[in-house]
């Protein structure tokens, strides 16, 4: 599902359960030493997906130890993103020469819990969400907005190393399967150009939704 949202230069692997061959490297164990079983299985399987995706890229796997703010430490010359939720785990990787940064997120295709939209959405986003819901009630637009903000953060953070809150991007979702994120703070400078916005894609299928952003050179 996520692979449909990303260019051919990005290798994607997903899992809908936790295969018995999924394993952790010793250096990855401490991060989930005290985690509940569900959290441990998600952490393990998403790294199994990353192992497979890196192999398709021709890059040896190295432990994806959480670094600053929990971001995975990718091998040199690789950019990537991980996501996991109930019933879905996914990894996307690319060579840094082909992709500057990327972010993926998957979520259950359900409405957000009551009150969460008010916490994550700017006033304009809430207005557009209500309009989209009236026109296309079959789509959980609030959860899709949340997912898009997660993809924005995962794209933003490797470029800046700085936290970005939910109000740091004003996102416009389009029913055609795309979205536009206008940063509300100074964007990162990449190769002499300031990135003040990101453009992404979204999909809803088989009980899940996903969003993805790719920044190309």
C-alpha atoms as a PDB file:
ATOM      1  CA  UNK A   1       0.000   0.000   0.000  1.00  0.00           C
ATOM      2  CA  UNK A   2       2.703   2.500   0.967  1.00  0.00           C
ATOM      3  CA  UNK A   3       4.800   1.497  -2.020  1.00  0.00           C
ATOM      4  CA  UNK A   4       2.174   3.002  -4.312  1.00  0.00           C
ATOM      5  CA  UNK A   5       2.797   6.400  -2.738  1.00  0.00           C
ATOM      6  CA  UNK A   6       6.565   6.491  -3.280  1.00  0.00           C
ATOM      7  CA  UNK A   7       8.885   6.729  -6.310  1.00  0.00           C
ATOM      8  CA  UNK A   8      10.739   3.718  -7.723  1.00  0.00           C
ATOM      9  CA  UNK A   9      14.007   4.755  -6.046  1.00  0.00           C
ATOM     10  CA  UNK A  10      12.449   3.934  -2.648  1.00  0.00           C
ATOM     11  CA  UNK A  11      12.463   0.309  -1.498  1.00  0.00           C
ATOM     12  CA  UNK A  12       9.450  -0.599   0.628  1.00  0.00           C
ATOM     13  CA  UNK A  13       8.654  -3.649   2.750  1.00  0.00           C
ATOM     14  CA  UNK A  14       5.474  -4.128   4.771  1.00  0.00           C
ATOM     15  CA  UNK A  15       4.052  -6.774   7.090  1.00  0.00           C
ATOM     16  CA  UNK A  16       0.498  -7.309   8.315  1.00  0.00           C
ATOM     17  CA  UNK A  17       1.509  -9.636  11.136  1.00  0.00           C
ATOM     18  CA  UNK A  18       4.658 -10.557  13.051  1.00  0.00           C
ATOM     19  CA  UNK A  19       6.613 -13.295  11.217  1.00  0.00           C
ATOM     20  CA  UNK A  20       8.457 -15.799  13.420  1.00  0.00           C
ATOM     21  CA  UNK A  21      11.773 -15.098  11.675  1.00  0.00           C
ATOM     22  CA  UNK A  22      11.731 -11.431  12.733  1.00  0.00           C
ATOM     23  CA  UNK A  23      14.535 -10.795  15.225  1.00  0.00           C
ATOM     24  CA  UNK A  24      16.452  -8.025  16.901  1.00  0.00           C
ATOM     25  CA  UNK A  25      20.165  -7.386  16.966  1.00  0.00           C
ATOM     26  CA  UNK A  26      21.665  -7.276  20.479  1.00  0.00           C
ATOM     27  CA  UNK A  27      22.151  -3.499  20.208  1.00  0.00           C
ATOM     28  CA  UNK A  28      18.422  -3.086  19.510  1.00  0.00           C
ATOM     29  CA  UNK A  29      17.274  -5.039  22.560  1.00  0.00           C
ATOM     30  CA  UNK A  30      17.727  -2.392  25.304  1.00  0.00           C
ATOM     31  CA  UNK A  31      15.133  -0.040  23.776  1.00  0.00           C
ATOM     32  CA  UNK A  32      12.360  -2.593  24.349  1.00  0.00           C
ATOM     33  CA  UNK A  33      13.774  -4.466  27.334  1.00  0.00           C
ATOM     34  CA  UNK A  34      10.830  -3.353  29.509  1.00  0.00           C
ATOM     35  CA  UNK A  35       8.237  -2.940  26.768  1.00  0.00           C
ATOM     36  CA  UNK A  36       4.935  -4.782  26.723  1.00  0.00           C
ATOM     37  CA  UNK A  37       4.667  -7.667  24.264  1.00  0.00           C
ATOM     38  CA  UNK A  38       2.724  -5.726  21.633  1.00  0.00           C
ATOM     39  CA  UNK A  39       5.215  -2.880  21.567  1.00  0.00           C
ATOM     40  CA  UNK A  40       8.125  -5.324  21.365  1.00  0.00           C
ATOM     41  CA  UNK A  41       6.570  -7.196  18.437  1.00  0.00           C
ATOM     42  CA  UNK A  42       5.941  -3.960  16.512  1.00  0.00           C
ATOM     43  CA  UNK A  43       9.501  -2.772  17.163  1.00  0.00           C
ATOM     44  CA  UNK A  44      10.920  -6.124  16.047  1.00  0.00           C
ATOM     45  CA  UNK A  45       8.821  -6.580  12.926  1.00  0.00           C
ATOM     46  CA  UNK A  46       9.314  -3.049  11.629  1.00  0.00           C
ATOM     47  CA  UNK A  47      13.071  -3.649  11.843  1.00  0.00           C
ATOM     48  CA  UNK A  48      12.586  -6.935  10.016  1.00  0.00           C
ATOM     49  CA  UNK A  49      10.899  -4.907   7.263  1.00  0.00           C
ATOM     50  CA  UNK A  50      13.824  -2.474   7.271  1.00  0.00           C
ATOM     51  CA  UNK A  51      16.284  -5.370   6.970  1.00  0.00           C
ATOM     52  CA  UNK A  52      14.473  -6.653   3.873  1.00  0.00           C
ATOM     53  CA  UNK A  53      14.160  -3.191   2.326  1.00  0.00           C
ATOM     54  CA  UNK A  54      17.856  -2.457   2.840  1.00  0.00           C
ATOM     55  CA  UNK A  55      18.750  -5.794   1.264  1.00  0.00           C
ATOM     56  CA  UNK A  56      16.757  -4.844  -1.817  1.00  0.00           C
ATOM     57  CA  UNK A  57      18.745  -1.614  -1.870  1.00  0.00           C
ATOM     58  CA  UNK A  58      21.989  -3.599  -1.647  1.00  0.00           C
ATOM     59  CA  UNK A  59      22.937  -2.118   1.735  1.00  0.00           C
ATOM     60  CA  UNK A  60      24.036  -4.309   4.673  1.00  0.00           C
ATOM     61  CA  UNK A  61      21.819  -4.062   7.718  1.00  0.00           C
ATOM     62  CA  UNK A  62      23.095  -2.464  10.860  1.00  0.00           C
ATOM     63  CA  UNK A  63      21.170  -2.119  14.137  1.00  0.00           C
ATOM     64  CA  UNK A  64      18.538   0.599  13.920  1.00  0.00           C
ATOM     65  CA  UNK A  65      19.141   1.948  17.390  1.00  0.00           C
ATOM     66  CA  UNK A  66      16.829   4.840  18.323  1.00  0.00           C
ATOM     67  CA  UNK A  67      18.734   8.106  18.361  1.00  0.00           C
ATOM     68  CA  UNK A  68      17.638  11.666  19.046  1.00  0.00           C
ATOM     69  CA  UNK A  69      13.898  11.719  19.821  1.00  0.00           C
ATOM     70  CA  UNK A  70      13.709   8.043  18.914  1.00  0.00           C
ATOM     71  CA  UNK A  71      14.611   8.485  15.238  1.00  0.00           C
ATOM     72  CA  UNK A  72      16.228   5.337  13.772  1.00  0.00           C
ATOM     73  CA  UNK A  73      19.946   5.514  12.952  1.00  0.00           C
ATOM     74  CA  UNK A  74      20.126   4.525   9.289  1.00  0.00           C
ATOM     75  CA  UNK A  75      23.326   3.258   7.616  1.00  0.00           C
ATOM     76  CA  UNK A  76      25.536   5.906   6.046  1.00  0.00           C
ATOM     77  CA  UNK A  77      24.237   7.057   2.682  1.00  0.00           C
ATOM     78  CA  UNK A  78      20.674   5.890   3.379  1.00  0.00           C
ATOM     79  CA  UNK A  79      17.509   7.795   4.201  1.00  0.00           C
ATOM     80  CA  UNK A  80      14.491   5.982   5.530  1.00  0.00           C
ATOM     81  CA  UNK A  81      11.316   5.955   7.552  1.00  0.00           C
ATOM     82  CA  UNK A  82       9.459   3.419   9.694  1.00  0.00           C
ATOM     83  CA  UNK A  83       5.826   3.125  10.699  1.00  0.00           C
ATOM     84  CA  UNK A  84       3.742   0.666  12.677  1.00  0.00           C
ATOM     85  CA  UNK A  85       0.211   0.432  14.001  1.00  0.00           C
ATOM     86  CA  UNK A  86      -2.260  -2.331  14.766  1.00  0.00           C
ATOM     87  CA  UNK A  87      -2.087  -4.819  11.893  1.00  0.00           C
ATOM     88  CA  UNK A  88       0.529  -2.975   9.863  1.00  0.00           C
ATOM     89  CA  UNK A  89       4.306  -2.448   9.913  1.00  0.00           C
ATOM     90  CA  UNK A  90       6.315  -0.815   7.152  1.00  0.00           C
ATOM     91  CA  UNK A  91       9.772   0.444   6.218  1.00  0.00           C
ATOM     92  CA  UNK A  92      10.893   2.628   3.318  1.00  0.00           C
ATOM     93  CA  UNK A  93      14.532   3.277   2.398  1.00  0.00           C
ATOM     94  CA  UNK A  94      16.442   4.976  -0.401  1.00  0.00           C
ATOM     95  CA  UNK A  95      19.963   6.060  -1.233  1.00  0.00           C
ATOM     96  CA  UNK A  96      20.705   9.577  -0.102  1.00  0.00           C
ATOM     97  CA  UNK A  97      21.778  10.508  -3.623  1.00  0.00           C
ATOM     98  CA  UNK A  98      18.313   9.657  -4.948  1.00  0.00           C
ATOM     99  CA  UNK A  99      16.149  10.996  -2.115  1.00  0.00           C
ATOM    100  CA  UNK A 100      16.881  13.861   0.278  1.00  0.00           C
ATOM    101  CA  UNK A 101      14.369  12.815   2.937  1.00  0.00           C
ATOM    102  CA  UNK A 102      11.187  10.796   3.252  1.00  0.00           C
ATOM    103  CA  UNK A 103       8.450  10.136   5.754  1.00  0.00           C
ATOM    104  CA  UNK A 104       5.783   7.448   5.911  1.00  0.00           C
ATOM    105  CA  UNK A 105       2.949   6.807   8.329  1.00  0.00           C
ATOM    106  CA  UNK A 106       0.175   4.215   8.563  1.00  0.00           C
ATOM    107  CA  UNK A 107      -2.876   4.289  10.805  1.00  0.00           C
ATOM    108  CA  UNK A 108      -6.123   2.370  11.291  1.00  0.00           C
ATOM    109  CA  UNK A 109      -8.782   3.840   9.000  1.00  0.00           C
ATOM    110  CA  UNK A 110     -10.911   4.978  11.929  1.00  0.00           C
ATOM    111  CA  UNK A 111     -11.907   8.397  13.237  1.00  0.00           C
ATOM    112  CA  UNK A 112      -9.693   9.931  15.898  1.00  0.00           C
ATOM    113  CA  UNK A 113     -10.761   9.720  19.540  1.00  0.00           C
ATOM    114  CA  UNK A 114     -12.939  12.620  20.642  1.00  0.00           C
ATOM    115  CA  UNK A 115     -10.993  15.802  21.303  1.00  0.00           C
ATOM    116  CA  UNK A 116      -7.806  14.789  19.472  1.00  0.00           C
ATOM    117  CA  UNK A 117      -8.577  16.792  16.335  1.00  0.00           C
ATOM    118  CA  UNK A 118      -8.795  19.983  18.407  1.00  0.00           C
ATOM    119  CA  UNK A 119      -5.324  19.205  19.769  1.00  0.00           C
ATOM    120  CA  UNK A 120      -3.551  18.503  16.477  1.00  0.00           C
ATOM    121  CA  UNK A 121      -5.333  20.722  13.940  1.00  0.00           C
ATOM    122  CA  UNK A 122      -5.079  24.419  13.171  1.00  0.00           C
ATOM    123  CA  UNK A 123      -8.402  26.308  12.801  1.00  0.00           C
ATOM    124  CA  UNK A 124      -8.141  26.270   9.015  1.00  0.00           C
ATOM    125  CA  UNK A 125      -7.441  22.559   9.022  1.00  0.00           C
ATOM    126  CA  UNK A 126     -10.482  21.904  11.195  1.00  0.00           C
ATOM    127  CA  UNK A 127     -12.662  23.914   8.809  1.00  0.00           C
ATOM    128  CA  UNK A 128     -11.361  22.030   5.773  1.00  0.00           C
ATOM    129  CA  UNK A 129     -11.779  18.730   7.617  1.00  0.00           C
ATOM    130  CA  UNK A 130     -15.462  19.454   8.201  1.00  0.00           C
ATOM    131  CA  UNK A 131     -15.940  20.358   4.525  1.00  0.00           C
ATOM    132  CA  UNK A 132     -14.192  17.200   3.335  1.00  0.00           C
ATOM    133  CA  UNK A 133     -16.216  15.048   5.732  1.00  0.00           C
ATOM    134  CA  UNK A 134     -19.455  16.529   4.411  1.00  0.00           C
ATOM    135  CA  UNK A 135     -18.440  15.795   0.813  1.00  0.00           C
ATOM    136  CA  UNK A 136     -16.773  12.404   1.363  1.00  0.00           C
ATOM    137  CA  UNK A 137     -18.047  10.912   4.638  1.00  0.00           C
ATOM    138  CA  UNK A 138     -16.542   7.502   3.851  1.00  0.00           C
ATOM    139  CA  UNK A 139     -12.990   8.839   4.480  1.00  0.00           C
ATOM    140  CA  UNK A 140     -11.693   9.369   8.058  1.00  0.00           C
ATOM    141  CA  UNK A 141     -10.272  12.794   7.250  1.00  0.00           C
ATOM    142  CA  UNK A 142      -9.270  13.606  10.809  1.00  0.00           C
ATOM    143  CA  UNK A 143      -7.120  10.477  11.098  1.00  0.00           C
ATOM    144  CA  UNK A 144      -5.729  11.162   7.627  1.00  0.00           C
ATOM    145  CA  UNK A 145      -4.718  14.663   8.756  1.00  0.00           C
ATOM    146  CA  UNK A 146      -3.010  13.177  11.819  1.00  0.00           C
ATOM    147  CA  UNK A 147      -1.129  10.734   9.598  1.00  0.00           C
ATOM    148  CA  UNK A 148      -0.049  13.478   7.200  1.00  0.00           C
ATOM    149  CA  UNK A 149       1.341  15.472  10.136  1.00  0.00           C
ATOM    150  CA  UNK A 150       3.282  12.407  11.248  1.00  0.00           C
ATOM    151  CA  UNK A 151       4.771  12.049   7.758  1.00  0.00           C
ATOM    152  CA  UNK A 152       5.677  15.737   7.761  1.00  0.00           C
ATOM    153  CA  UNK A 153       7.535  15.335  11.049  1.00  0.00           C
ATOM    154  CA  UNK A 154       9.390  12.232   9.878  1.00  0.00           C
ATOM    155  CA  UNK A 155      10.479  14.095   6.748  1.00  0.00           C
ATOM    156  CA  UNK A 156      11.372  17.273   8.634  1.00  0.00           C
ATOM    157  CA  UNK A 157      13.355  15.864  11.550  1.00  0.00           C
ATOM    158  CA  UNK A 158      16.266  14.234   9.647  1.00  0.00           C
ATOM    159  CA  UNK A 159      16.817  17.543   7.853  1.00  0.00           C
ATOM    160  CA  UNK A 160      16.801  19.695  10.982  1.00  0.00           C
ATOM    161  CA  UNK A 161      17.250  17.626  14.143  1.00  0.00           C
ATOM    162  CA  UNK A 162      14.626  19.939  15.659  1.00  0.00           C
ATOM    163  CA  UNK A 163      11.207  19.022  17.069  1.00  0.00           C
ATOM    164  CA  UNK A 164       8.180  20.148  15.044  1.00  0.00           C
ATOM    165  CA  UNK A 165       4.837  20.323  16.828  1.00  0.00           C
ATOM    166  CA  UNK A 166       1.474  19.629  15.200  1.00  0.00           C
ATOM    167  CA  UNK A 167       0.923  23.344  14.574  1.00  0.00           C
ATOM    168  CA  UNK A 168       4.229  23.574  12.697  1.00  0.00           C
ATOM    169  CA  UNK A 169       2.599  22.662   9.377  1.00  0.00           C
ATOM    170  CA  UNK A 170      -0.702  23.731   7.818  1.00  0.00           C
ATOM    171  CA  UNK A 171      -1.921  20.767   5.775  1.00  0.00           C
ATOM    172  CA  UNK A 172      -4.441  20.770   2.954  1.00  0.00           C
ATOM    173  CA  UNK A 173      -5.760  17.334   2.042  1.00  0.00           C
ATOM    174  CA  UNK A 174      -7.054  16.836  -1.482  1.00  0.00           C
ATOM    175  CA  UNK A 175      -9.622  14.136  -2.348  1.00  0.00           C
ATOM    176  CA  UNK A 176      -7.433  13.225  -5.342  1.00  0.00           C
ATOM    177  CA  UNK A 177      -4.991  11.428  -3.034  1.00  0.00           C
ATOM    178  CA  UNK A 178      -2.449  14.190  -2.471  1.00  0.00           C
ATOM    179  CA  UNK A 179      -1.771  16.713   0.290  1.00  0.00           C
ATOM    180  CA  UNK A 180       0.220  19.903   0.684  1.00  0.00           C
ATOM    181  CA  UNK A 181       1.965  20.894   3.927  1.00  0.00           C
ATOM    182  CA  UNK A 182       2.938  24.548   4.344  1.00  0.00           C
ATOM    183  CA  UNK A 183       5.507  24.897   7.128  1.00  0.00           C
ATOM    184  CA  UNK A 184       4.650  27.532   9.733  1.00  0.00           C
ATOM    185  CA  UNK A 185       8.271  27.914  10.817  1.00  0.00           C
ATOM    186  CA  UNK A 186      11.422  28.513   8.735  1.00  0.00           C
ATOM    187  CA  UNK A 187      11.995  25.386   6.693  1.00  0.00           C
ATOM    188  CA  UNK A 188      15.242  23.439   6.319  1.00  0.00           C
ATOM    189  CA  UNK A 189      17.838  24.554   3.794  1.00  0.00           C
ATOM    190  CA  UNK A 190      18.838  21.769   1.397  1.00  0.00           C
ATOM    191  CA  UNK A 191      21.494  22.340  -1.279  1.00  0.00           C
ATOM    192  CA  UNK A 192      21.044  26.083  -0.970  1.00  0.00           C
ATOM    193  CA  UNK A 193      17.245  26.022  -1.256  1.00  0.00           C
ATOM    194  CA  UNK A 194      14.857  26.561   1.620  1.00  0.00           C
ATOM    195  CA  UNK A 195      12.060  24.014   1.774  1.00  0.00           C
ATOM    196  CA  UNK A 196       9.019  25.835   3.047  1.00  0.00           C
ATOM    197  CA  UNK A 197       6.523  23.156   2.066  1.00  0.00           C
ATOM    198  CA  UNK A 198       6.177  19.427   1.463  1.00  0.00           C
ATOM    199  CA  UNK A 199       3.887  17.619  -0.942  1.00  0.00           C
ATOM    200  CA  UNK A 200       2.698  14.105  -0.199  1.00  0.00           C
ATOM    201  CA  UNK A 201       0.276  11.382  -1.193  1.00  0.00           C
ATOM    202  CA  UNK A 202      -2.305   9.358   0.724  1.00  0.00           C
ATOM    203  CA  UNK A 203      -4.310   6.174   0.365  1.00  0.00           C
ATOM    204  CA  UNK A 204      -7.086   4.391   2.277  1.00  0.00           C
ATOM    205  CA  UNK A 205      -7.489   0.657   1.764  1.00  0.00           C
ATOM    206  CA  UNK A 206      -8.484  -2.526   3.595  1.00  0.00           C
ATOM    207  CA  UNK A 207      -8.923  -0.980   7.013  1.00  0.00           C
ATOM    208  CA  UNK A 208      -5.769   1.144   6.999  1.00  0.00           C
ATOM    209  CA  UNK A 209      -4.685   4.515   5.679  1.00  0.00           C
ATOM    210  CA  UNK A 210      -1.208   5.684   4.821  1.00  0.00           C
ATOM    211  CA  UNK A 211       0.572   8.910   3.941  1.00  0.00           C
ATOM    212  CA  UNK A 212       4.010   9.464   2.436  1.00  0.00           C
ATOM    213  CA  UNK A 213       6.290  12.360   1.537  1.00  0.00           C
ATOM    214  CA  UNK A 214       9.401  12.216  -0.621  1.00  0.00           C
ATOM    215  CA  UNK A 215      11.841  15.113  -0.987  1.00  0.00           C
ATOM    216  CA  UNK A 216      13.913  14.691  -4.147  1.00  0.00           C
ATOM    217  CA  UNK A 217      17.259  16.363  -4.916  1.00  0.00           C
END
